[in-house]
């Protein structure tokens, strides 16, 4: 069974690779916009917060490591919970 849905790479992207610390041949662009961002400090990555309060993922390689595909997807219910709470708050 092919599992090519677990890895994507865009070497034509002007930012590739956008983070250092992951070998180029295994750098995955699949989660370019990390779904874990919405979890704030609980994302599990190496995030920091800028002085203006904006979350920075500049030093995080977690979603770009192909071996973390299952770990990212395992948090989907938690991400959905954040979205549902935010939506309910705005109704």
N, C-alpha and C. Protein backbone atom coordinates (compact mmCIF):
# COMPACT_ATOMS: atom_id res chain seq x y z
N UNK A 1 0.85 -1.19 0.00
CA UNK A 1 0.00 0.00 0.00
C UNK A 1 0.89 1.25 0.00
N UNK A 2 0.61 2.14 -0.91
CA UNK A 2 1.35 3.40 -0.95
C UNK A 2 0.89 4.31 0.18
N UNK A 3 1.82 5.04 0.71
CA UNK A 3 1.49 6.00 1.77
C UNK A 3 2.02 7.38 1.40
N UNK A 4 1.93 7.73 0.12
CA UNK A 4 2.45 9.01 -0.33
C UNK A 4 1.63 10.20 0.17
N UNK A 5 0.48 9.96 0.77
CA UNK A 5 -0.31 11.05 1.34
C UNK A 5 0.31 11.57 2.64
N UNK A 6 1.30 10.86 3.16
CA UNK A 6 1.92 11.21 4.43
C UNK A 6 3.11 12.18 4.29
N UNK A 7 3.48 12.46 3.06
CA UNK A 7 4.68 13.27 2.83
C UNK A 7 4.50 14.08 1.55
N UNK A 8 4.87 15.35 1.60
CA UNK A 8 4.83 16.21 0.43
C UNK A 8 6.02 17.16 0.52
N UNK A 9 6.62 17.42 -0.62
CA UNK A 9 7.75 18.32 -0.64
C UNK A 9 7.64 19.25 -1.85
N UNK A 10 7.86 20.53 -1.63
CA UNK A 10 7.82 21.52 -2.70
C UNK A 10 9.18 22.23 -2.78
N UNK A 11 10.08 21.65 -3.51
CA UNK A 11 11.42 22.22 -3.64
C UNK A 11 11.41 23.51 -4.47
N UNK A 12 10.32 23.78 -5.18
CA UNK A 12 10.21 25.02 -5.95
C UNK A 12 9.79 26.21 -5.10
N UNK A 13 9.37 25.96 -3.89
CA UNK A 13 8.97 27.04 -2.99
C UNK A 13 10.18 27.92 -2.70
N UNK A 14 10.03 29.24 -2.78
CA UNK A 14 11.16 30.12 -2.51
C UNK A 14 11.67 30.05 -1.06
N UNK A 15 10.89 29.45 -0.17
CA UNK A 15 11.28 29.35 1.24
C UNK A 15 11.82 27.98 1.61
N UNK A 16 11.82 27.05 0.66
CA UNK A 16 12.25 25.69 0.97
C UNK A 16 13.74 25.62 1.24
N UNK A 17 14.13 24.95 2.30
CA UNK A 17 13.32 24.56 3.45
C UNK A 17 13.13 25.78 4.36
N UNK A 18 11.96 25.92 4.90
CA UNK A 18 11.64 27.11 5.69
C UNK A 18 12.19 27.06 7.12
N UNK A 19 12.61 25.89 7.56
CA UNK A 19 13.20 25.73 8.90
C UNK A 19 14.48 24.92 8.77
N UNK A 20 15.46 25.23 9.58
CA UNK A 20 16.68 24.43 9.58
C UNK A 20 16.55 23.32 10.62
N UNK A 21 17.38 22.31 10.49
CA UNK A 21 17.38 21.24 11.47
C UNK A 21 16.75 19.95 10.98
N UNK A 22 16.19 19.96 9.78
CA UNK A 22 15.63 18.75 9.19
C UNK A 22 16.35 18.54 7.87
N UNK A 23 16.89 17.34 7.64
CA UNK A 23 17.57 17.09 6.35
C UNK A 23 16.62 17.35 5.18
N UNK A 24 17.11 18.03 4.15
CA UNK A 24 16.27 18.39 3.01
C UNK A 24 15.53 17.21 2.41
N UNK A 25 16.18 16.05 2.32
CA UNK A 25 15.53 14.90 1.69
C UNK A 25 14.35 14.35 2.49
N UNK A 26 14.26 14.68 3.77
CA UNK A 26 13.13 14.22 4.58
C UNK A 26 12.25 15.36 5.06
N UNK A 27 12.51 16.57 4.59
CA UNK A 27 11.72 17.74 5.00
C UNK A 27 10.35 17.69 4.33
N UNK A 28 9.30 17.63 5.13
CA UNK A 28 7.94 17.55 4.60
C UNK A 28 7.25 18.92 4.65
N UNK A 29 6.68 19.29 3.51
CA UNK A 29 5.93 20.54 3.41
C UNK A 29 4.42 20.30 3.62
N UNK A 30 4.04 19.07 3.94
CA UNK A 30 2.63 18.71 4.04
C UNK A 30 1.87 19.64 4.99
N UNK A 31 2.45 19.94 6.13
CA UNK A 31 1.80 20.82 7.10
C UNK A 31 2.47 22.19 7.09
N UNK A 32 2.59 22.76 5.91
CA UNK A 32 3.22 24.07 5.74
C UNK A 32 2.59 25.07 6.70
N UNK A 33 1.29 25.12 6.74
CA UNK A 33 0.57 25.91 7.72
C UNK A 33 0.13 24.94 8.80
N UNK A 34 0.83 24.93 9.88
CA UNK A 34 0.68 23.90 10.91
C UNK A 34 -0.71 23.91 11.54
N UNK A 35 -1.42 22.78 11.51
CA UNK A 35 -2.73 22.72 12.16
C UNK A 35 -2.63 22.80 13.68
N UNK A 36 -1.45 22.58 14.23
CA UNK A 36 -1.28 22.65 15.68
C UNK A 36 -1.15 24.09 16.19
N UNK A 37 -0.98 25.03 15.29
CA UNK A 37 -0.84 26.44 15.68
C UNK A 37 -1.99 26.88 16.59
N UNK A 38 -3.19 26.44 16.27
CA UNK A 38 -4.38 26.85 17.02
C UNK A 38 -4.36 26.38 18.48
N UNK A 39 -3.49 25.45 18.80
CA UNK A 39 -3.43 24.93 20.17
C UNK A 39 -2.57 25.80 21.09
N UNK A 40 -2.04 26.87 20.53
CA UNK A 40 -1.24 27.79 21.36
C UNK A 40 -0.03 27.10 21.97
N UNK A 41 0.21 27.34 23.23
CA UNK A 41 1.37 26.78 23.93
C UNK A 41 1.30 25.26 24.06
N UNK A 42 0.11 24.69 23.90
CA UNK A 42 -0.07 23.24 24.02
C UNK A 42 0.21 22.50 22.71
N UNK A 43 0.75 23.17 21.72
CA UNK A 43 0.94 22.55 20.40
C UNK A 43 1.95 21.40 20.43
N UNK A 44 2.90 21.45 21.34
CA UNK A 44 3.90 20.40 21.43
C UNK A 44 5.17 20.71 20.65
N UNK A 45 5.17 21.81 19.93
CA UNK A 45 6.36 22.20 19.17
C UNK A 45 7.22 23.18 19.95
N UNK A 46 8.22 23.68 19.30
CA UNK A 46 9.17 24.60 19.93
C UNK A 46 8.78 26.05 19.65
N UNK A 47 7.57 26.41 19.99
CA UNK A 47 7.11 27.77 19.73
C UNK A 47 7.59 28.72 20.82
N UNK A 48 7.62 29.98 20.45
CA UNK A 48 7.89 31.06 21.40
C UNK A 48 6.87 32.15 21.12
N UNK A 49 6.85 33.13 21.97
CA UNK A 49 5.94 34.26 21.76
C UNK A 49 6.75 35.54 21.66
N UNK A 50 6.43 36.33 20.67
CA UNK A 50 7.10 37.60 20.46
C UNK A 50 6.62 38.61 21.49
N UNK A 51 7.31 39.71 21.63
CA UNK A 51 6.95 40.75 22.60
C UNK A 51 5.53 41.27 22.38
N UNK A 52 5.07 41.24 21.12
CA UNK A 52 3.72 41.73 20.82
C UNK A 52 2.64 40.66 21.04
N UNK A 53 3.04 39.49 21.54
CA UNK A 53 2.09 38.43 21.86
C UNK A 53 1.81 37.45 20.74
N UNK A 54 2.42 37.64 19.58
CA UNK A 54 2.20 36.74 18.44
C UNK A 54 3.04 35.48 18.61
N UNK A 55 2.41 34.35 18.36
CA UNK A 55 3.10 33.07 18.45
C UNK A 55 4.07 32.94 17.28
N UNK A 56 5.31 32.55 17.57
CA UNK A 56 6.32 32.35 16.54
C UNK A 56 6.72 30.88 16.50
N UNK A 57 6.66 30.31 15.31
CA UNK A 57 7.05 28.91 15.10
C UNK A 57 8.38 28.82 14.35
N UNK A 58 9.12 29.91 14.36
CA UNK A 58 10.37 30.00 13.60
C UNK A 58 11.35 28.88 13.93
N UNK A 59 11.40 28.45 15.17
CA UNK A 59 12.35 27.42 15.58
C UNK A 59 11.74 26.02 15.69
N UNK A 60 10.55 25.86 15.19
CA UNK A 60 9.85 24.57 15.30
C UNK A 60 9.97 23.77 14.00
N UNK A 61 10.38 22.53 14.14
CA UNK A 61 10.47 21.63 12.98
C UNK A 61 9.48 20.46 13.09
N UNK A 62 8.73 20.40 14.17
CA UNK A 62 7.86 19.26 14.45
C UNK A 62 6.97 18.85 13.27
N UNK A 63 6.18 19.75 12.68
CA UNK A 63 5.29 19.32 11.60
C UNK A 63 6.03 19.02 10.29
N UNK A 64 7.29 19.39 10.19
CA UNK A 64 8.05 19.18 8.97
C UNK A 64 8.86 17.89 8.98
N UNK A 65 8.77 17.16 10.08
CA UNK A 65 9.44 15.87 10.17
C UNK A 65 8.44 14.79 9.76
N UNK A 66 8.77 14.08 8.69
CA UNK A 66 7.84 13.09 8.13
C UNK A 66 7.36 12.09 9.18
N UNK A 67 8.21 11.75 10.12
CA UNK A 67 7.84 10.76 11.14
C UNK A 67 6.78 11.28 12.12
N UNK A 68 6.47 12.56 12.10
CA UNK A 68 5.48 13.13 13.02
C UNK A 68 4.07 13.22 12.43
N UNK A 69 3.87 12.68 11.24
CA UNK A 69 2.55 12.71 10.59
C UNK A 69 1.46 12.20 11.52
N UNK A 70 1.65 11.01 12.09
CA UNK A 70 0.63 10.43 12.98
C UNK A 70 0.41 11.28 14.23
N UNK A 71 1.48 11.85 14.76
CA UNK A 71 1.37 12.68 15.96
C UNK A 71 0.53 13.93 15.68
N UNK A 72 0.72 14.53 14.52
CA UNK A 72 -0.08 15.71 14.16
C UNK A 72 -1.55 15.31 14.03
N UNK A 73 -1.82 14.26 13.29
CA UNK A 73 -3.22 13.84 13.10
C UNK A 73 -3.88 13.39 14.39
N UNK A 74 -3.11 12.85 15.33
CA UNK A 74 -3.69 12.38 16.59
C UNK A 74 -4.26 13.54 17.42
N UNK A 75 -3.91 14.76 17.09
CA UNK A 75 -4.38 15.93 17.84
C UNK A 75 -5.61 16.57 17.20
N UNK A 76 -6.16 15.95 16.15
CA UNK A 76 -7.24 16.56 15.39
C UNK A 76 -8.48 16.85 16.24
N UNK A 77 -8.84 15.95 17.13
CA UNK A 77 -10.01 16.19 17.99
C UNK A 77 -9.79 17.42 18.88
N UNK A 78 -8.58 17.58 19.37
CA UNK A 78 -8.25 18.73 20.21
C UNK A 78 -8.35 20.03 19.41
N UNK A 79 -7.85 20.00 18.17
CA UNK A 79 -7.94 21.16 17.29
C UNK A 79 -9.41 21.49 17.00
N UNK A 80 -10.19 20.46 16.73
CA UNK A 80 -11.62 20.64 16.47
C UNK A 80 -12.31 21.26 17.68
N UNK A 81 -11.90 20.86 18.87
CA UNK A 81 -12.47 21.44 20.09
C UNK A 81 -12.20 22.92 20.21
N UNK A 82 -11.00 23.35 19.85
CA UNK A 82 -10.65 24.77 19.88
C UNK A 82 -11.54 25.54 18.91
N UNK A 83 -11.71 25.00 17.72
CA UNK A 83 -12.53 25.66 16.70
C UNK A 83 -13.99 25.74 17.16
N UNK A 84 -14.51 24.65 17.69
CA UNK A 84 -15.91 24.65 18.16
C UNK A 84 -16.14 25.66 19.28
N UNK A 85 -15.19 25.72 20.23
CA UNK A 85 -15.34 26.69 21.33
C UNK A 85 -15.30 28.12 20.82
N UNK A 86 -14.39 28.39 19.88
CA UNK A 86 -14.30 29.73 19.32
C UNK A 86 -15.55 30.10 18.54
N UNK A 87 -16.06 29.16 17.75
CA UNK A 87 -17.28 29.40 16.99
C UNK A 87 -18.47 29.66 17.92
N UNK A 88 -18.57 28.88 18.99
CA UNK A 88 -19.68 29.04 19.94
C UNK A 88 -19.58 30.40 20.65
N UNK A 89 -18.38 30.84 20.93
CA UNK A 89 -18.18 32.12 21.60
C UNK A 89 -18.63 33.28 20.73
N UNK A 90 -18.53 33.13 19.42
CA UNK A 90 -18.85 34.21 18.50
C UNK A 90 -20.30 34.19 18.05
N UNK A 91 -21.07 33.21 18.44
CA UNK A 91 -22.49 33.15 18.04
C UNK A 91 -23.35 34.07 18.85
